[in-house]
Amino acid sequence: MVRSTFTLLFNLFTIYMSIDSSWRDDLESLAYTLLFLLLGNLPWQQYKGQSGTRAGYIKHVREKKRQWSGRRLGQGLAKEFGELLDYARALEFDAKPDYKGLSAGFQRLAGNSVVLDCREAPLLLQLVVLTSD
């Protein structure tokens, strides 16, 4: 038996329901990771459930993720970060992502980079945050 280990904060709800994963899932996890690094937390991190069980935590995370769009999570950041999450969620299971288009969007932002110190991005000593006009 193969046991799968994953981080609840960054994976998507299809994995919690034992549905096979695909490229879209990798992109969604990447979007969660980037948003976490930029924001310092994600809305589903604090579980206040009565039982405190793993199943309860998974249900909590799944429901919270359904409530938060990429646009809403990325509020205050360059729009590309939230768009990445929304794009990943909208992909069909077997659709190949437009990596060139996604890459081009983030590369355009690279010319407008701002360096934040650890007081502004608590998880990193220095982080280049891409900002849009």
N, C-alpha and C. Protein backbone atom coordinates (compact mmCIF):
# COMPACT_ATOMS: atom_id res chain seq x y z
N MET A 1 0.83 -1.18 0.00
CA MET A 1 0.00 0.00 0.00
C MET A 1 0.88 1.25 0.00
N VAL A 2 0.59 2.17 -0.90
CA VAL A 2 1.33 3.42 -0.99
C VAL A 2 0.57 4.47 -0.20
N ARG A 3 1.28 5.13 0.69
CA ARG A 3 0.66 6.17 1.49
C ARG A 3 1.06 7.53 0.94
N SER A 4 0.08 8.35 0.67
CA SER A 4 0.33 9.67 0.13
C SER A 4 0.38 10.69 1.27
N THR A 5 1.40 11.51 1.27
CA THR A 5 1.53 12.58 2.25
C THR A 5 1.49 13.90 1.52
N PHE A 6 0.69 14.83 2.00
CA PHE A 6 0.60 16.13 1.38
C PHE A 6 0.31 17.18 2.44
N THR A 7 0.55 18.40 2.10
CA THR A 7 0.30 19.50 3.01
C THR A 7 -1.09 20.05 2.73
N LEU A 8 -1.95 20.01 3.72
CA LEU A 8 -3.33 20.45 3.55
C LEU A 8 -3.45 21.90 3.12
N LEU A 9 -2.58 22.73 3.60
CA LEU A 9 -2.69 24.16 3.30
C LEU A 9 -2.55 24.46 1.82
N PHE A 10 -1.73 23.70 1.12
CA PHE A 10 -1.37 24.04 -0.25
C PHE A 10 -2.00 23.15 -1.30
N ASN A 11 -2.56 22.04 -0.92
CA ASN A 11 -3.20 21.16 -1.90
C ASN A 11 -4.66 21.50 -2.05
N LEU A 12 -5.25 20.97 -3.07
CA LEU A 12 -6.62 21.33 -3.38
C LEU A 12 -7.61 20.29 -2.93
N PHE A 13 -8.88 20.65 -3.00
CA PHE A 13 -9.86 19.76 -2.43
C PHE A 13 -10.11 18.51 -3.24
N THR A 14 -9.72 18.42 -4.50
CA THR A 14 -9.90 17.15 -5.22
C THR A 14 -9.02 16.06 -4.62
N ILE A 15 -7.86 16.44 -4.12
CA ILE A 15 -6.98 15.46 -3.50
C ILE A 15 -7.59 14.94 -2.21
N TYR A 16 -8.25 15.81 -1.45
CA TYR A 16 -8.88 15.37 -0.21
C TYR A 16 -9.97 14.35 -0.48
N MET A 17 -10.54 14.39 -1.68
CA MET A 17 -11.65 13.50 -2.00
C MET A 17 -11.16 12.28 -2.79
N SER A 18 -9.84 12.05 -2.81
CA SER A 18 -9.22 10.90 -3.47
C SER A 18 -9.46 10.87 -4.98
N ILE A 19 -9.53 12.03 -5.59
CA ILE A 19 -9.66 12.13 -7.04
C ILE A 19 -8.25 12.27 -7.60
N ASP A 20 -7.98 11.61 -8.72
CA ASP A 20 -6.65 11.70 -9.33
C ASP A 20 -6.26 13.15 -9.56
N SER A 21 -4.97 13.42 -9.52
CA SER A 21 -4.50 14.78 -9.72
C SER A 21 -3.92 14.93 -11.13
N SER A 22 -3.77 16.18 -11.54
CA SER A 22 -3.26 16.49 -12.88
C SER A 22 -2.46 17.78 -12.83
N TRP A 23 -2.13 18.30 -14.01
CA TRP A 23 -1.37 19.55 -14.10
C TRP A 23 -2.08 20.69 -13.39
N ARG A 24 -3.38 20.74 -13.52
CA ARG A 24 -4.14 21.83 -12.88
C ARG A 24 -3.91 21.83 -11.38
N ASP A 25 -3.77 20.64 -10.79
CA ASP A 25 -3.57 20.54 -9.36
C ASP A 25 -2.21 21.08 -8.94
N ASP A 26 -1.21 20.83 -9.77
CA ASP A 26 0.12 21.38 -9.49
C ASP A 26 0.09 22.90 -9.53
N LEU A 27 -0.62 23.45 -10.52
CA LEU A 27 -0.73 24.91 -10.61
C LEU A 27 -1.49 25.49 -9.42
N GLU A 28 -2.54 24.81 -9.00
CA GLU A 28 -3.30 25.31 -7.86
C GLU A 28 -2.44 25.30 -6.59
N SER A 29 -1.69 24.23 -6.40
CA SER A 29 -0.79 24.16 -5.25
C SER A 29 0.27 25.25 -5.31
N LEU A 30 0.80 25.51 -6.50
CA LEU A 30 1.78 26.58 -6.68
C LEU A 30 1.17 27.93 -6.31
N ALA A 31 -0.06 28.17 -6.76
CA ALA A 31 -0.74 29.43 -6.45
C ALA A 31 -0.91 29.60 -4.94
N TYR A 32 -1.34 28.54 -4.25
CA TYR A 32 -1.49 28.61 -2.79
C TYR A 32 -0.15 28.90 -2.12
N THR A 33 0.90 28.27 -2.61
CA THR A 33 2.23 28.47 -2.02
C THR A 33 2.68 29.91 -2.21
N LEU A 34 2.53 30.45 -3.42
CA LEU A 34 2.92 31.84 -3.67
C LEU A 34 2.10 32.80 -2.81
N LEU A 35 0.81 32.59 -2.75
CA LEU A 35 -0.05 33.47 -1.94
C LEU A 35 0.32 33.39 -0.46
N PHE A 36 0.64 32.21 0.01
CA PHE A 36 1.06 32.03 1.41
C PHE A 36 2.35 32.79 1.67
N LEU A 37 3.32 32.67 0.78
CA LEU A 37 4.59 33.37 0.97
C LEU A 37 4.43 34.88 0.93
N LEU A 38 3.53 35.35 0.09
CA LEU A 38 3.32 36.79 -0.03
C LEU A 38 2.47 37.37 1.10
N LEU A 39 1.47 36.61 1.53
CA LEU A 39 0.53 37.11 2.54
C LEU A 39 0.92 36.74 3.97
N GLY A 40 1.69 35.68 4.12
CA GLY A 40 2.09 35.23 5.46
C GLY A 40 1.13 34.23 6.08
N ASN A 41 -0.04 34.04 5.49
CA ASN A 41 -0.99 33.05 5.98
C ASN A 41 -2.08 32.84 4.94
N LEU A 42 -2.88 31.82 5.17
CA LEU A 42 -4.03 31.54 4.32
C LEU A 42 -5.26 31.45 5.22
N PRO A 43 -6.42 31.83 4.73
CA PRO A 43 -7.62 31.91 5.59
C PRO A 43 -8.01 30.61 6.27
N TRP A 44 -7.58 29.48 5.77
CA TRP A 44 -8.00 28.20 6.34
C TRP A 44 -6.98 27.62 7.31
N GLN A 45 -5.97 28.38 7.68
CA GLN A 45 -4.95 27.88 8.60
C GLN A 45 -5.47 27.66 10.02
N GLN A 46 -6.34 28.50 10.47
CA GLN A 46 -6.81 28.43 11.86
C GLN A 46 -8.06 27.58 11.97
N TYR A 47 -7.91 26.36 12.43
CA TYR A 47 -9.05 25.46 12.59
C TYR A 47 -9.55 25.54 14.02
N LYS A 48 -10.80 25.90 14.17
CA LYS A 48 -11.39 26.06 15.50
C LYS A 48 -12.49 25.02 15.74
N GLY A 49 -12.35 23.86 15.12
CA GLY A 49 -13.38 22.83 15.23
C GLY A 49 -13.48 22.23 16.63
N GLN A 50 -14.62 21.70 16.92
CA GLN A 50 -14.88 21.11 18.23
C GLN A 50 -14.04 19.85 18.45
N SER A 51 -14.03 18.97 17.46
CA SER A 51 -13.36 17.68 17.67
C SER A 51 -11.86 17.74 17.43
N GLY A 52 -11.43 18.62 16.57
CA GLY A 52 -10.01 18.74 16.28
C GLY A 52 -9.45 17.53 15.55
N THR A 53 -10.29 16.78 14.86
CA THR A 53 -9.84 15.59 14.14
C THR A 53 -9.25 15.97 12.79
N ARG A 54 -8.48 15.08 12.21
CA ARG A 54 -7.92 15.31 10.87
C ARG A 54 -9.05 15.42 9.85
N ALA A 55 -10.06 14.58 9.97
CA ALA A 55 -11.20 14.64 9.06
C ALA A 55 -11.91 15.98 9.18
N GLY A 56 -12.05 16.48 10.38
CA GLY A 56 -12.67 17.79 10.58
C GLY A 56 -11.84 18.90 9.98
N TYR A 57 -10.53 18.79 10.11
CA TYR A 57 -9.63 19.79 9.55
C TYR A 57 -9.70 19.78 8.02
N ILE A 58 -9.71 18.60 7.43
CA ILE A 58 -9.80 18.48 5.97
C ILE A 58 -11.10 19.11 5.48
N LYS A 59 -12.19 18.83 6.16
CA LYS A 59 -13.48 19.41 5.78
C LYS A 59 -13.44 20.93 5.88
N HIS A 60 -12.86 21.44 6.96
CA HIS A 60 -12.73 22.89 7.16
C HIS A 60 -11.93 23.52 6.03
N VAL A 61 -10.78 22.95 5.70
CA VAL A 61 -9.92 23.50 4.65
C VAL A 61 -10.65 23.46 3.31
N ARG A 62 -11.28 22.35 3.01
CA ARG A 62 -12.00 22.21 1.74
C ARG A 62 -13.09 23.28 1.60
N GLU A 63 -13.87 23.48 2.64
CA GLU A 63 -14.94 24.48 2.60
C GLU A 63 -14.40 25.90 2.49
N LYS A 64 -13.34 26.20 3.22
CA LYS A 64 -12.75 27.54 3.14
C LYS A 64 -12.20 27.82 1.75
N LYS A 65 -11.54 26.83 1.16
CA LYS A 65 -10.99 27.03 -0.18
C LYS A 65 -12.09 27.27 -1.19
N ARG A 66 -13.21 26.63 -1.03
CA ARG A 66 -14.34 26.86 -1.94
C ARG A 66 -14.86 28.29 -1.80
N GLN A 67 -14.74 28.87 -0.62
CA GLN A 67 -15.26 30.22 -0.37
C GLN A 67 -14.33 31.33 -0.88
N TRP A 68 -13.06 31.02 -1.08
CA TRP A 68 -12.08 32.05 -1.45
C TRP A 68 -11.63 31.89 -2.90
N SER A 69 -11.96 32.84 -3.74
CA SER A 69 -11.48 32.84 -5.12
C SER A 69 -10.04 33.34 -5.13
N GLY A 70 -9.36 33.11 -6.25
CA GLY A 70 -8.01 33.65 -6.40
C GLY A 70 -8.01 35.16 -6.36
N ARG A 71 -9.00 35.75 -6.99
CA ARG A 71 -9.10 37.22 -6.99
C ARG A 71 -9.22 37.75 -5.56
N ARG A 72 -10.04 37.09 -4.75
CA ARG A 72 -10.23 37.53 -3.37
C ARG A 72 -8.97 37.28 -2.53
N LEU A 73 -8.33 36.12 -2.70
CA LEU A 73 -7.11 35.83 -1.95
C LEU A 73 -5.97 36.78 -2.32
N GLY A 74 -5.90 37.13 -3.60
CA GLY A 74 -4.81 37.97 -4.08
C GLY A 74 -5.07 39.45 -3.99
N GLN A 75 -6.12 39.84 -3.31
CA GLN A 75 -6.45 41.26 -3.19
C GLN A 75 -5.26 42.02 -2.59
N GLY A 76 -4.87 43.09 -3.24
CA GLY A 76 -3.75 43.89 -2.77
C GLY A 76 -2.42 43.49 -3.39
N LEU A 77 -2.41 42.36 -4.11
CA LEU A 77 -1.20 41.91 -4.81
C LEU A 77 -1.40 42.13 -6.30
N ALA A 78 -0.36 41.91 -7.06
CA ALA A 78 -0.50 41.95 -8.51
C ALA A 78 -1.57 40.93 -8.91
N LYS A 79 -2.42 41.29 -9.85
CA LYS A 79 -3.57 40.46 -10.21
C LYS A 79 -3.17 39.07 -10.70
N GLU A 80 -1.96 38.93 -11.20
CA GLU A 80 -1.51 37.65 -11.74
C GLU A 80 -1.49 36.54 -10.69
N PHE A 81 -1.27 36.88 -9.44
CA PHE A 81 -1.23 35.84 -8.40
C PHE A 81 -2.61 35.22 -8.18
N GLY A 82 -3.61 36.05 -8.07
CA GLY A 82 -4.97 35.53 -7.93
C GLY A 82 -5.47 34.88 -9.20
N GLU A 83 -5.09 35.44 -10.34
CA GLU A 83 -5.50 34.87 -11.62
C GLU A 83 -4.93 33.48 -11.82
N LEU A 84 -3.72 33.24 -11.32
CA LEU A 84 -3.12 31.91 -11.42
C LEU A 84 -4.00 30.87 -10.73
N LEU A 85 -4.48 31.19 -9.55
CA LEU A 85 -5.34 30.26 -8.82
C LEU A 85 -6.66 30.05 -9.56
N ASP A 86 -7.29 31.12 -9.99
CA ASP A 86 -8.56 31.00 -10.70
C ASP A 86 -8.38 30.24 -12.03
N TYR A 87 -7.29 30.49 -12.71
CA TYR A 87 -6.99 29.78 -13.97
C TYR A 87 -6.85 28.29 -13.70
N ALA A 88 -6.08 27.93 -12.68
CA ALA A 88 -5.86 26.52 -12.36
C ALA A 88 -7.18 25.82 -12.03
N ARG A 89 -8.01 26.47 -11.24
CA ARG A 89 -9.29 25.87 -10.86
C ARG A 89 -10.22 25.69 -12.05
N ALA A 90 -10.10 26.54 -13.06
CA ALA A 90 -11.00 26.47 -14.21
C ALA A 90 -10.55 25.44 -15.25
N LEU A 91 -9.33 24.96 -15.15
CA LEU A 91 -8.83 23.99 -16.13
C LEU A 91 -9.58 22.67 -16.02
N GLU A 92 -9.82 22.06 -17.16
CA GLU A 92 -10.37 20.71 -17.18
C GLU A 92 -9.28 19.74 -16.72
N PHE A 93 -9.69 18.58 -16.25
CA PHE A 93 -8.76 17.62 -15.68
C PHE A 93 -7.58 17.32 -16.61
N ASP A 94 -7.86 17.03 -17.88
CA ASP A 94 -6.81 16.62 -18.81
C ASP A 94 -6.28 17.75 -19.68
N ALA A 95 -6.66 18.98 -19.40
CA ALA A 95 -6.19 20.13 -20.19
C ALA A 95 -4.75 20.46 -19.83
N LYS A 96 -3.97 20.74 -20.84
CA LYS A 96 -2.59 21.15 -20.61
C LYS A 96 -2.58 22.66 -20.38
N PRO A 97 -2.00 23.11 -19.29
CA PRO A 97 -1.97 24.55 -19.00
C PRO A 97 -1.18 25.33 -20.05
N ASP A 98 -1.51 26.59 -20.21
CA ASP A 98 -0.80 27.49 -21.10
C ASP A 98 0.41 28.05 -20.34
N TYR A 99 1.44 27.22 -20.23
CA TYR A 99 2.62 27.62 -19.47
C TYR A 99 3.29 28.86 -20.07
N LYS A 100 3.31 28.94 -21.39
CA LYS A 100 3.93 30.11 -22.03
C LYS A 100 3.18 31.39 -21.67
N GLY A 101 1.86 31.33 -21.71
CA GLY A 101 1.06 32.49 -21.37
C GLY A 101 1.21 32.88 -19.90
N LEU A 102 1.19 31.88 -19.02
CA LEU A 102 1.37 32.16 -17.59
C LEU A 102 2.74 32.75 -17.33
N SER A 103 3.75 32.16 -17.94
CA SER A 103 5.12 32.64 -17.77
C SER A 103 5.27 34.07 -18.28
N ALA A 104 4.67 34.36 -19.44
CA ALA A 104 4.76 35.71 -20.01
C ALA A 104 4.12 36.74 -19.08
N GLY A 105 3.00 36.38 -18.45
CA GLY A 105 2.35 37.30 -17.52
C GLY A 105 3.23 37.64 -16.34
N PHE A 106 3.89 36.64 -15.78
CA PHE A 106 4.77 36.90 -14.64
C PHE A 106 6.06 37.58 -15.06
N GLN A 107 6.54 37.28 -16.26
CA GLN A 107 7.74 37.95 -16.75
C GLN A 107 7.50 39.45 -16.96
N ARG A 108 6.29 39.81 -17.41
CA ARG A 108 5.97 41.24 -17.56
C ARG A 108 6.04 41.96 -16.22
N LEU A 109 5.67 41.25 -15.18
CA LEU A 109 5.71 41.86 -13.85
C LEU A 109 7.13 42.05 -13.32
N ALA A 110 8.04 41.23 -13.80
CA ALA A 110 9.42 41.25 -13.27
C ALA A 110 10.07 42.62 -13.43
N GLY A 111 9.69 43.38 -14.42
CA GLY A 111 10.25 44.72 -14.61
C GLY A 111 9.78 45.71 -13.55
N ASN A 112 8.73 45.36 -12.81
CA ASN A 112 8.17 46.23 -11.78
C ASN A 112 8.37 45.65 -10.39
N SER A 113 9.48 44.99 -10.14
CA SER A 113 9.66 44.30 -8.87
C SER A 113 10.00 45.26 -7.73
N VAL A 114 9.57 44.89 -6.56
CA VAL A 114 9.83 45.63 -5.33
C VAL A 114 10.38 44.63 -4.33
N VAL A 115 11.45 44.97 -3.64
CA VAL A 115 12.02 44.08 -2.65
C VAL A 115 11.41 44.40 -1.29
N LEU A 116 10.87 43.39 -0.65
CA LEU A 116 10.30 43.56 0.68
C LEU A 116 11.25 42.95 1.70
N ASP A 117 11.36 43.57 2.86
CA ASP A 117 12.17 42.95 3.89
C ASP A 117 11.29 42.08 4.78
N CYS A 118 11.87 41.43 5.76
CA CYS A 118 11.14 40.45 6.56
C CYS A 118 10.02 41.07 7.39
N ARG A 119 10.04 42.37 7.63
CA ARG A 119 8.94 43.01 8.37
C ARG A 119 7.68 43.04 7.52
N GLU A 120 7.84 43.08 6.19
CA GLU A 120 6.69 43.15 5.29
C GLU A 120 6.28 41.79 4.74
N ALA A 121 7.18 40.85 4.68
CA ALA A 121 6.90 39.48 4.24
C ALA A 121 7.47 38.57 5.33
N PRO A 122 6.70 38.27 6.35
CA PRO A 122 7.21 37.63 7.54
C PRO A 122 7.84 36.26 7.35
N LEU A 123 7.57 35.58 6.27
CA LEU A 123 8.11 34.24 6.09
C LEU A 123 9.44 34.19 5.38
N LEU A 124 9.89 35.31 4.88
CA LEU A 124 11.12 35.35 4.10
C LEU A 124 12.01 36.49 4.55
N LEU A 125 13.31 36.30 4.48
CA LEU A 125 14.21 37.41 4.81
C LEU A 125 14.11 38.49 3.74
N GLN A 126 14.10 38.07 2.49
CA GLN A 126 13.86 39.00 1.39
C GLN A 126 13.05 38.28 0.33
N LEU A 127 12.11 38.99 -0.24
CA LEU A 127 11.25 38.39 -1.26
C LEU A 127 11.03 39.43 -2.35
N VAL A 128 11.19 39.00 -3.57
CA VAL A 128 10.88 39.89 -4.67
C VAL A 128 9.41 39.68 -4.98
N VAL A 129 8.63 40.72 -4.75
CA VAL A 129 7.21 40.67 -5.03
C VAL A 129 6.95 41.41 -6.33
N LEU A 130 6.30 40.74 -7.21
CA LEU A 130 6.01 41.33 -8.51
C LEU A 130 4.74 42.15 -8.40
N THR A 131 4.82 43.39 -8.79
CA THR A 131 3.66 44.27 -8.70
C THR A 131 3.23 44.70 -10.09
N SER A 132 1.98 44.99 -10.23
CA SER A 132 1.49 45.45 -11.54
C SER A 132 1.26 46.95 -11.50
N ASP A 133 1.14 47.51 -12.68
CA ASP A 133 0.87 48.96 -12.78
C ASP A 133 -0.53 49.29 -12.35
